[in-house]
Amino acid sequence: MMGEQTEFRGGDKAPNNGIYMEVGVRDHIMGIENPRQIKMEKGDTFPETQNDDRVWLNKRRVQPK
């Protein structure tokens, strides 16, 4: 069985409430200046990313610990 999905694309449903950031698939923290952040409620539909090389990640997973 696979773990919880962590990357989301436009049209996917949010699994949890939280703040999600748009990040590049190949440049998880570096690469996008002032990434878009959106507040999502569980079940909300993610908007499209600004280009196809980007995904939405929960901000908690992106920030260094």
PDB file of N, CA and C in Angstrom:
ATOM      1  N   MET A   1       0.840  -1.184   0.000  1.00  0.00           N
ATOM      2  CA  MET A   1       0.000   0.000   0.000  1.00  0.00           C
ATOM      3  C   MET A   1       0.883   1.246   0.000  1.00  0.00           C
ATOM      4  N   MET A   2       0.486   2.227  -0.764  1.00  0.00           N
ATOM      5  CA  MET A   2       1.268   3.457  -0.888  1.00  0.00           C
ATOM      6  C   MET A   2       0.977   4.387   0.283  1.00  0.00           C
ATOM      7  N   GLY A   3       1.925   5.264   0.596  1.00  0.00           N
ATOM      8  CA  GLY A   3       1.710   6.266   1.637  1.00  0.00           C
ATOM      9  C   GLY A   3       0.810   7.380   1.137  1.00  0.00           C
ATOM     10  N   GLU A   4       0.599   8.338   1.991  1.00  0.00           N
ATOM     11  CA  GLU A   4      -0.262   9.470   1.639  1.00  0.00           C
ATOM     12  C   GLU A   4       0.353  10.266   0.491  1.00  0.00           C
ATOM     13  N   GLN A   5      -0.484  10.674  -0.435  1.00  0.00           N
ATOM     14  CA  GLN A   5      -0.019  11.486  -1.558  1.00  0.00           C
ATOM     15  C   GLN A   5       0.460  12.833  -1.020  1.00  0.00           C
ATOM     16  N   THR A   6       1.589  13.313  -1.536  1.00  0.00           N
ATOM     17  CA  THR A   6       2.132  14.582  -1.047  1.00  0.00           C
ATOM     18  C   THR A   6       2.199  15.649  -2.134  1.00  0.00           C
ATOM     19  N   GLU A   7       2.124  15.266  -3.391  1.00  0.00           N
ATOM     20  CA  GLU A   7       2.158  16.237  -4.491  1.00  0.00           C
ATOM     21  C   GLU A   7       0.802  16.246  -5.167  1.00  0.00           C
ATOM     22  N   PHE A   8       0.312  17.447  -5.465  1.00  0.00           N
ATOM     23  CA  PHE A   8      -1.029  17.574  -6.020  1.00  0.00           C
ATOM     24  C   PHE A   8      -0.995  18.466  -7.245  1.00  0.00           C
ATOM     25  N   ARG A   9      -1.883  18.195  -8.175  1.00  0.00           N
ATOM     26  CA  ARG A   9      -2.010  18.980  -9.396  1.00  0.00           C
ATOM     27  C   ARG A   9      -3.389  19.614  -9.430  1.00  0.00           C
ATOM     28  N   GLY A  10      -3.559  20.572 -10.339  1.00  0.00           N
ATOM     29  CA  GLY A  10      -4.854  21.210 -10.489  1.00  0.00           C
ATOM     30  C   GLY A  10      -5.943  20.173 -10.696  1.00  0.00           C
ATOM     31  N   GLY A  11      -7.048  20.323  -9.980  1.00  0.00           N
ATOM     32  CA  GLY A  11      -8.152  19.378 -10.088  1.00  0.00           C
ATOM     33  C   GLY A  11      -8.145  18.315  -9.006  1.00  0.00           C
ATOM     34  N   ASP A  12      -6.985  18.081  -8.358  1.00  0.00           N
ATOM     35  CA  ASP A  12      -6.937  17.133  -7.245  1.00  0.00           C
ATOM     36  C   ASP A  12      -7.682  17.719  -6.051  1.00  0.00           C
ATOM     37  N   LYS A  13      -8.087  16.859  -5.139  1.00  0.00           N
ATOM     38  CA  LYS A  13      -8.771  17.285  -3.920  1.00  0.00           C
ATOM     39  C   LYS A  13      -7.774  17.339  -2.767  1.00  0.00           C
ATOM     40  N   ALA A  14      -7.891  18.379  -1.940  1.00  0.00           N
ATOM     41  CA  ALA A  14      -7.012  18.500  -0.774  1.00  0.00           C
ATOM     42  C   ALA A  14      -7.363  17.423   0.252  1.00  0.00           C
ATOM     43  N   PRO A  15      -6.347  16.680   0.744  1.00  0.00           N
ATOM     44  CA  PRO A  15      -6.618  15.628   1.726  1.00  0.00           C
ATOM     45  C   PRO A  15      -6.813  16.181   3.137  1.00  0.00           C
ATOM     46  N   ASN A  16      -6.287  17.367   3.374  1.00  0.00           N
ATOM     47  CA  ASN A  16      -6.333  17.961   4.711  1.00  0.00           C
ATOM     48  C   ASN A  16      -6.434  19.477   4.599  1.00  0.00           C
ATOM     49  N   ASN A  17      -6.900  20.104   5.671  1.00  0.00           N
ATOM     50  CA  ASN A  17      -6.844  21.563   5.747  1.00  0.00           C
ATOM     51  C   ASN A  17      -5.381  21.975   5.804  1.00  0.00           C
ATOM     52  N   GLY A  18      -5.059  23.132   5.264  1.00  0.00           N
ATOM     53  CA  GLY A  18      -3.691  23.613   5.392  1.00  0.00           C
ATOM     54  C   GLY A  18      -3.329  24.617   4.326  1.00  0.00           C
ATOM     55  N   ILE A  19      -2.101  25.087   4.426  1.00  0.00           N
ATOM     56  CA  ILE A  19      -1.536  26.006   3.448  1.00  0.00           C
ATOM     57  C   ILE A  19      -0.690  25.170   2.491  1.00  0.00           C
ATOM     58  N   TYR A  20      -0.931  25.364   1.214  1.00  0.00           N
ATOM     59  CA  TYR A  20      -0.186  24.632   0.189  1.00  0.00           C
ATOM     60  C   TYR A  20       0.585  25.620  -0.663  1.00  0.00           C
ATOM     61  N   MET A  21       1.801  25.224  -1.057  1.00  0.00           N
ATOM     62  CA  MET A  21       2.678  26.070  -1.868  1.00  0.00           C
ATOM     63  C   MET A  21       2.875  25.442  -3.233  1.00  0.00           C
ATOM     64  N   GLU A  22       2.985  26.308  -4.233  1.00  0.00           N
ATOM     65  CA  GLU A  22       3.289  25.841  -5.584  1.00  0.00           C
ATOM     66  C   GLU A  22       4.805  25.727  -5.704  1.00  0.00           C
ATOM     67  N   VAL A  23       5.281  24.532  -6.018  1.00  0.00           N
ATOM     68  CA  VAL A  23       6.730  24.313  -6.142  1.00  0.00           C
ATOM     69  C   VAL A  23       7.039  23.614  -7.450  1.00  0.00           C
ATOM     70  N   GLY A  24       8.271  23.781  -7.906  1.00  0.00           N
ATOM     71  CA  GLY A  24       8.712  23.092  -9.109  1.00  0.00           C
ATOM     72  C   GLY A  24       9.003  21.635  -8.800  1.00  0.00           C
ATOM     73  N   VAL A  25       8.675  20.768  -9.730  1.00  0.00           N
ATOM     74  CA  VAL A  25       8.906  19.340  -9.524  1.00  0.00           C
ATOM     75  C   VAL A  25      10.401  19.064  -9.346  1.00  0.00           C
ATOM     76  N   ARG A  26      11.222  19.763 -10.096  1.00  0.00           N
ATOM     77  CA  ARG A  26      12.662  19.495 -10.048  1.00  0.00           C
ATOM     78  C   ARG A  26      13.409  20.415  -9.092  1.00  0.00           C
ATOM     79  N   ASP A  27      12.718  21.387  -8.518  1.00  0.00           N
ATOM     80  CA  ASP A  27      13.450  22.347  -7.684  1.00  0.00           C
ATOM     81  C   ASP A  27      12.702  22.604  -6.398  1.00  0.00           C
ATOM     82  N   HIS A  28      12.506  21.564  -5.600  1.00  0.00           N
ATOM     83  CA  HIS A  28      11.646  21.629  -4.410  1.00  0.00           C
ATOM     84  C   HIS A  28      11.904  22.815  -3.549  1.00  0.00           C
ATOM     85  N   ILE A  29      12.502  23.620  -3.340  1.00  0.00           N
ATOM     86  CA  ILE A  29      12.612  24.783  -2.491  1.00  0.00           C
ATOM     87  C   ILE A  29      13.278  25.871  -3.310  1.00  0.00           C
ATOM     88  N   MET A  30      14.327  25.518  -4.020  1.00  0.00           N
ATOM     89  CA  MET A  30      15.023  26.509  -4.840  1.00  0.00           C
ATOM     90  C   MET A  30      14.259  26.678  -6.145  1.00  0.00           C
ATOM     91  N   GLY A  31      14.410  27.832  -6.749  1.00  0.00           N
ATOM     92  CA  GLY A  31      13.905  27.938  -8.107  1.00  0.00           C
ATOM     93  C   GLY A  31      12.707  28.826  -8.292  1.00  0.00           C
ATOM     94  N   ILE A  32      11.764  28.864  -7.364  1.00  0.00           N
ATOM     95  CA  ILE A  32      10.610  29.740  -7.530  1.00  0.00           C
ATOM     96  C   ILE A  32      10.699  30.819  -6.462  1.00  0.00           C
ATOM     97  N   GLU A  33      10.770  32.060  -6.912  1.00  0.00           N
ATOM     98  CA  GLU A  33      10.770  33.154  -5.952  1.00  0.00           C
ATOM     99  C   GLU A  33       9.335  33.523  -5.640  1.00  0.00           C
ATOM    100  N   ASN A  34       9.048  33.767  -4.375  1.00  0.00           N
ATOM    101  CA  ASN A  34       7.697  34.098  -3.940  1.00  0.00           C
ATOM    102  C   ASN A  34       6.668  33.113  -4.486  1.00  0.00           C
ATOM    103  N   PRO A  35       6.801  31.832  -4.120  1.00  0.00           N
ATOM    104  CA  PRO A  35       5.854  30.845  -4.642  1.00  0.00           C
ATOM    105  C   PRO A  35       4.427  31.158  -4.200  1.00  0.00           C
ATOM    106  N   ARG A  36       3.469  30.822  -5.052  1.00  0.00           N
ATOM    107  CA  ARG A  36       2.072  31.028  -4.683  1.00  0.00           C
ATOM    108  C   ARG A  36       1.732  30.128  -3.504  1.00  0.00           C
ATOM    109  N   GLN A  37       0.952  30.666  -2.581  1.00  0.00           N
ATOM    110  CA  GLN A  37       0.471  29.896  -1.445  1.00  0.00           C
ATOM    111  C   GLN A  37      -1.041  30.036  -1.395  1.00  0.00           C
ATOM    112  N   ILE A  38      -1.702  28.928  -1.116  1.00  0.00           N
ATOM    113  CA  ILE A  38      -3.158  28.948  -1.038  1.00  0.00           C
ATOM    114  C   ILE A  38      -3.595  28.230   0.233  1.00  0.00           C
ATOM    115  N   LYS A  39      -4.668  28.700   0.815  1.00  0.00           N
ATOM    116  CA  LYS A  39      -5.244  28.032   1.981  1.00  0.00           C
ATOM    117  C   LYS A  39      -6.349  27.115   1.484  1.00  0.00           C
ATOM    118  N   MET A  40      -6.257  25.863   1.853  1.00  0.00           N
ATOM    119  CA  MET A  40      -7.212  24.862   1.382  1.00  0.00           C
ATOM    120  C   MET A  40      -7.912  24.217   2.571  1.00  0.00           C
ATOM    121  N   GLU A  41      -9.164  23.865   2.355  1.00  0.00           N
ATOM    122  CA  GLU A  41      -9.913  23.054   3.312  1.00  0.00           C
ATOM    123  C   GLU A  41      -9.982  21.642   2.745  1.00  0.00           C
ATOM    124  N   LYS A  42     -10.070  20.659   3.630  1.00  0.00           N
ATOM    125  CA  LYS A  42     -10.169  19.266   3.181  1.00  0.00           C
ATOM    126  C   LYS A  42     -11.295  19.140   2.161  1.00  0.00           C
ATOM    127  N   GLY A  43     -10.983  18.543   1.013  1.00  0.00           N
ATOM    128  CA  GLY A  43     -11.980  18.344  -0.032  1.00  0.00           C
ATOM    129  C   GLY A  43     -12.014  19.438  -1.089  1.00  0.00           C
ATOM    130  N   ASP A  44     -11.350  20.589  -0.834  1.00  0.00           N
ATOM    131  CA  ASP A  44     -11.287  21.647  -1.840  1.00  0.00           C
ATOM    132  C   ASP A  44     -10.504  21.149  -3.057  1.00  0.00           C
ATOM    133  N   THR A  45     -10.793  21.723  -4.209  1.00  0.00           N
ATOM    134  CA  THR A  45     -10.103  21.361  -5.444  1.00  0.00           C
ATOM    135  C   THR A  45      -8.948  22.319  -5.688  1.00  0.00           C
ATOM    136  N   PHE A  46      -7.763  21.762  -5.935  1.00  0.00           N
ATOM    137  CA  PHE A  46      -6.595  22.599  -6.207  1.00  0.00           C
ATOM    138  C   PHE A  46      -6.759  23.331  -7.532  1.00  0.00           C
ATOM    139  N   PRO A  47      -6.343  24.613  -7.572  1.00  0.00           N
ATOM    140  CA  PRO A  47      -6.338  25.327  -8.857  1.00  0.00           C
ATOM    141  C   PRO A  47      -5.193  24.814  -9.732  1.00  0.00           C
ATOM    142  N   GLU A  48      -5.227  25.166 -10.998  1.00  0.00           N
ATOM    143  CA  GLU A  48      -4.130  24.799 -11.890  1.00  0.00           C
ATOM    144  C   GLU A  48      -2.856  25.523 -11.446  1.00  0.00           C
ATOM    145  N   THR A  49      -1.718  24.870 -11.629  1.00  0.00           N
ATOM    146  CA  THR A  49      -0.436  25.524 -11.358  1.00  0.00           C
ATOM    147  C   THR A  49      -0.098  26.434 -12.539  1.00  0.00           C
ATOM    148  N   GLN A  50       0.908  27.292 -12.340  1.00  0.00           N
ATOM    149  CA  GLN A  50       1.243  28.261 -13.377  1.00  0.00           C
ATOM    150  C   GLN A  50       1.923  27.625 -14.581  1.00  0.00           C
ATOM    151  N   ASN A  51       2.527  26.451 -14.401  1.00  0.00           N
ATOM    152  CA  ASN A  51       2.998  25.686 -15.559  1.00  0.00           C
ATOM    153  C   ASN A  51       3.033  24.202 -15.201  1.00  0.00           C
ATOM    154  N   ASP A  52       3.203  23.362 -16.207  1.00  0.00           N
ATOM    155  CA  ASP A  52       3.073  21.922 -16.012  1.00  0.00           C
ATOM    156  C   ASP A  52       4.194  21.295 -15.201  1.00  0.00           C
ATOM    157  N   ASP A  53       5.287  22.029 -14.980  1.00  0.00           N
ATOM    158  CA  ASP A  53       6.392  21.485 -14.192  1.00  0.00           C
ATOM    159  C   ASP A  53       6.221  21.753 -12.703  1.00  0.00           C
ATOM    160  N   ARG A  54       5.071  22.232 -12.298  1.00  0.00           N
ATOM    161  CA  ARG A  54       4.869  22.574 -10.892  1.00  0.00           C
ATOM    162  C   ARG A  54       3.765  21.741 -10.268  1.00  0.00           C
ATOM    163  N   VAL A  55       3.849  21.587  -8.954  1.00  0.00           N
ATOM    164  CA  VAL A  55       2.839  20.865  -8.187  1.00  0.00           C
ATOM    165  C   VAL A  55       2.558  21.646  -6.909  1.00  0.00           C
ATOM    166  N   TRP A  56       1.493  21.291  -6.232  1.00  0.00           N
ATOM    167  CA  TRP A  56       1.170  21.850  -4.918  1.00  0.00           C
ATOM    168  C   TRP A  56       1.676  20.904  -3.841  1.00  0.00           C
ATOM    169  N   LEU A  57       2.354  21.450  -2.828  1.00  0.00           N
ATOM    170  CA  LEU A  57       2.804  20.668  -1.668  1.00  0.00           C
ATOM    171  C   LEU A  57       2.301  21.357  -0.410  1.00  0.00           C
ATOM    172  N   ASN A  58       1.989  20.554   0.615  1.00  0.00           N
ATOM    173  CA  ASN A  58       1.637  21.142   1.899  1.00  0.00           C
ATOM    174  C   ASN A  58       2.853  21.893   2.421  1.00  0.00           C
ATOM    175  N   LYS A  59       2.634  23.125   2.844  1.00  0.00           N
ATOM    176  CA  LYS A  59       3.742  23.977   3.285  1.00  0.00           C
ATOM    177  C   LYS A  59       4.532  23.333   4.422  1.00  0.00           C
ATOM    178  N   ARG A  60       3.874  22.566   5.274  1.00  0.00           N
ATOM    179  CA  ARG A  60       4.585  21.900   6.377  1.00  0.00           C
ATOM    180  C   ARG A  60       5.662  20.968   5.858  1.00  0.00           C
ATOM    181  N   ARG A  61       5.456  20.380   4.686  1.00  0.00           N
ATOM    182  CA  ARG A  61       6.440  19.453   4.122  1.00  0.00           C
ATOM    183  C   ARG A  61       7.581  20.176   3.428  1.00  0.00           C
ATOM    184  N   VAL A  62       7.372  21.435   3.071  1.00  0.00           N
ATOM    185  CA  VAL A  62       8.379  22.191   2.320  1.00  0.00           C
ATOM    186  C   VAL A  62       9.352  22.893   3.255  1.00  0.00           C
ATOM    187  N   GLN A  63       8.831  23.416   4.363  1.00  0.00           N
ATOM    188  CA  GLN A  63       9.677  24.202   5.273  1.00  0.00           C
ATOM    189  C   GLN A  63      10.723  23.320   5.937  1.00  0.00           C
ATOM    190  N   PRO A  64      11.958  23.809   6.041  1.00  0.00           N
ATOM    191  CA  PRO A  64      12.978  23.034   6.770  1.00  0.00           C
ATOM    192  C   PRO A  64      12.586  22.942   8.237  1.00  0.00           C
ATOM    193  N   LYS A  65      12.943  21.844   8.847  1.00  0.00           N
ATOM    194  CA  LYS A  65      12.583  21.631  10.255  1.00  0.00           C
ATOM    195  C   LYS A  65      13.567  22.296  11.180  1.00  0.00           C
TER     196      LYS A  65
END
